[in-house]
């Protein structure tokens, strides 16, 4: 299963009225990729992306 991480991050930031920079997006993207490599459930990541912001 492939995630469109950038759009998920941007959508979550917009939904929560959070200003986000490309540096922030890159950091969050790296964190998500780390979670995926550790076999974290993809659905959990999608449902909790706001926590990573």
N, C-alpha and C. Protein backbone atom coordinates (compact mmCIF):
# COMPACT_ATOMS: atom_id res chain seq x y z
N UNK A 1 0.85 -1.18 0.00
CA UNK A 1 0.00 0.00 0.00
C UNK A 1 0.89 1.24 0.00
N UNK A 2 0.58 2.13 -0.87
CA UNK A 2 1.35 3.36 -1.00
C UNK A 2 0.58 4.52 -0.39
N UNK A 3 1.31 5.35 0.34
CA UNK A 3 0.70 6.54 0.92
C UNK A 3 1.17 7.78 0.18
N UNK A 4 0.27 8.70 -0.05
CA UNK A 4 0.67 10.01 -0.56
C UNK A 4 0.92 10.87 0.67
N UNK A 5 2.12 10.75 1.21
CA UNK A 5 2.43 11.39 2.49
C UNK A 5 2.30 12.89 2.44
N UNK A 6 2.79 13.52 1.39
CA UNK A 6 2.77 14.97 1.33
C UNK A 6 1.36 15.52 1.39
N UNK A 7 0.44 14.93 0.64
CA UNK A 7 -0.93 15.45 0.67
C UNK A 7 -1.59 15.17 2.01
N UNK A 8 -1.28 14.02 2.65
CA UNK A 8 -1.83 13.75 3.97
C UNK A 8 -1.35 14.76 5.00
N UNK A 9 -0.05 15.08 4.95
CA UNK A 9 0.53 16.03 5.90
C UNK A 9 -0.06 17.42 5.69
N UNK A 10 -0.13 17.85 4.44
CA UNK A 10 -0.66 19.19 4.14
C UNK A 10 -2.13 19.29 4.50
N UNK A 11 -2.91 18.25 4.20
CA UNK A 11 -4.33 18.26 4.54
C UNK A 11 -4.52 18.33 6.05
N UNK A 12 -3.76 17.55 6.81
CA UNK A 12 -3.88 17.57 8.27
C UNK A 12 -3.50 18.93 8.83
N UNK A 13 -2.46 19.54 8.28
CA UNK A 13 -2.04 20.87 8.73
C UNK A 13 -3.13 21.90 8.43
N UNK A 14 -3.69 21.85 7.23
CA UNK A 14 -4.76 22.78 6.87
C UNK A 14 -6.00 22.58 7.73
N UNK A 15 -6.36 21.33 7.99
CA UNK A 15 -7.54 21.03 8.81
C UNK A 15 -7.39 21.55 10.23
N UNK A 16 -6.14 21.62 10.71
CA UNK A 16 -5.88 22.06 12.08
C UNK A 16 -5.33 23.48 12.15
N UNK A 17 -5.42 24.22 11.03
CA UNK A 17 -4.94 25.60 10.96
C UNK A 17 -3.51 25.76 11.45
N UNK A 18 -2.64 24.86 10.98
CA UNK A 18 -1.23 24.88 11.36
C UNK A 18 -0.42 25.35 10.15
N UNK A 19 0.40 26.39 10.37
CA UNK A 19 1.32 26.82 9.33
C UNK A 19 2.45 25.82 9.27
N UNK A 20 2.78 25.36 8.09
CA UNK A 20 3.78 24.31 7.94
C UNK A 20 4.73 24.68 6.81
N UNK A 21 6.01 24.44 7.03
CA UNK A 21 7.01 24.73 6.01
C UNK A 21 7.45 23.43 5.33
N UNK A 22 8.18 23.58 4.25
CA UNK A 22 8.71 22.39 3.57
C UNK A 22 9.64 21.60 4.49
N UNK A 23 10.38 22.31 5.32
CA UNK A 23 11.26 21.63 6.28
C UNK A 23 10.44 20.78 7.25
N UNK A 24 9.33 21.33 7.73
CA UNK A 24 8.44 20.58 8.63
C UNK A 24 7.86 19.35 7.93
N UNK A 25 7.43 19.54 6.69
CA UNK A 25 6.87 18.43 5.92
C UNK A 25 7.91 17.33 5.75
N UNK A 26 9.14 17.70 5.44
CA UNK A 26 10.21 16.73 5.29
C UNK A 26 10.49 15.96 6.57
N UNK A 27 10.48 16.67 7.71
CA UNK A 27 10.72 16.04 9.00
C UNK A 27 9.60 15.04 9.32
N UNK A 28 8.37 15.46 9.11
CA UNK A 28 7.22 14.59 9.38
C UNK A 28 7.24 13.40 8.43
N UNK A 29 7.57 13.64 7.17
CA UNK A 29 7.67 12.56 6.19
C UNK A 29 8.70 11.53 6.63
N UNK A 30 9.85 11.98 7.11
CA UNK A 30 10.88 11.05 7.59
C UNK A 30 10.39 10.24 8.78
N UNK A 31 9.66 10.89 9.67
CA UNK A 31 9.10 10.19 10.83
C UNK A 31 8.12 9.11 10.39
N UNK A 32 7.25 9.45 9.44
CA UNK A 32 6.27 8.48 8.94
C UNK A 32 6.98 7.32 8.25
N UNK A 33 7.99 7.62 7.44
CA UNK A 33 8.73 6.55 6.78
C UNK A 33 9.40 5.64 7.80
N UNK A 34 9.90 6.22 8.89
CA UNK A 34 10.49 5.43 9.96
C UNK A 34 9.45 4.51 10.59
N UNK A 35 8.26 5.03 10.84
CA UNK A 35 7.18 4.21 11.40
C UNK A 35 6.80 3.07 10.45
N UNK A 36 6.74 3.37 9.15
CA UNK A 36 6.40 2.35 8.16
C UNK A 36 7.47 1.27 8.14
N UNK A 37 8.74 1.67 8.21
CA UNK A 37 9.82 0.68 8.18
C UNK A 37 9.81 -0.20 9.42
N UNK A 38 9.22 0.31 10.51
CA UNK A 38 9.10 -0.48 11.74
C UNK A 38 7.79 -1.25 11.78
N UNK A 39 7.12 -1.34 10.63
CA UNK A 39 5.89 -2.13 10.46
C UNK A 39 4.69 -1.59 11.23
N UNK A 40 4.66 -0.26 11.45
CA UNK A 40 3.49 0.35 12.08
C UNK A 40 2.32 0.28 11.10
N UNK A 41 1.15 0.00 11.60
CA UNK A 41 -0.04 -0.14 10.77
C UNK A 41 -0.29 1.16 10.00
N UNK A 42 -0.44 1.05 8.69
CA UNK A 42 -0.65 2.20 7.80
C UNK A 42 -1.94 2.94 8.18
N UNK A 43 -2.97 2.20 8.51
CA UNK A 43 -4.24 2.83 8.87
C UNK A 43 -4.09 3.66 10.14
N UNK A 44 -3.30 3.18 11.10
CA UNK A 44 -3.04 3.93 12.33
C UNK A 44 -2.36 5.26 11.99
N UNK A 45 -1.39 5.20 11.09
CA UNK A 45 -0.68 6.42 10.69
C UNK A 45 -1.66 7.41 10.07
N UNK A 46 -2.49 6.93 9.16
CA UNK A 46 -3.47 7.82 8.52
C UNK A 46 -4.40 8.45 9.54
N UNK A 47 -4.86 7.66 10.50
CA UNK A 47 -5.82 8.15 11.49
C UNK A 47 -5.21 9.07 12.52
N UNK A 48 -3.89 9.02 12.69
CA UNK A 48 -3.23 9.78 13.75
C UNK A 48 -2.19 10.76 13.21
N UNK A 49 -2.30 11.15 11.99
CA UNK A 49 -1.29 12.03 11.39
C UNK A 49 -1.21 13.38 12.11
N UNK A 50 -2.32 13.84 12.69
CA UNK A 50 -2.30 15.11 13.41
C UNK A 50 -1.34 15.06 14.60
N UNK A 51 -1.18 13.91 15.20
CA UNK A 51 -0.26 13.76 16.33
C UNK A 51 1.17 14.04 15.88
N UNK A 52 1.51 13.67 14.66
CA UNK A 52 2.86 13.88 14.16
C UNK A 52 3.15 15.34 13.83
N UNK A 53 2.10 16.13 13.69
CA UNK A 53 2.31 17.55 13.41
C UNK A 53 2.78 18.26 14.66
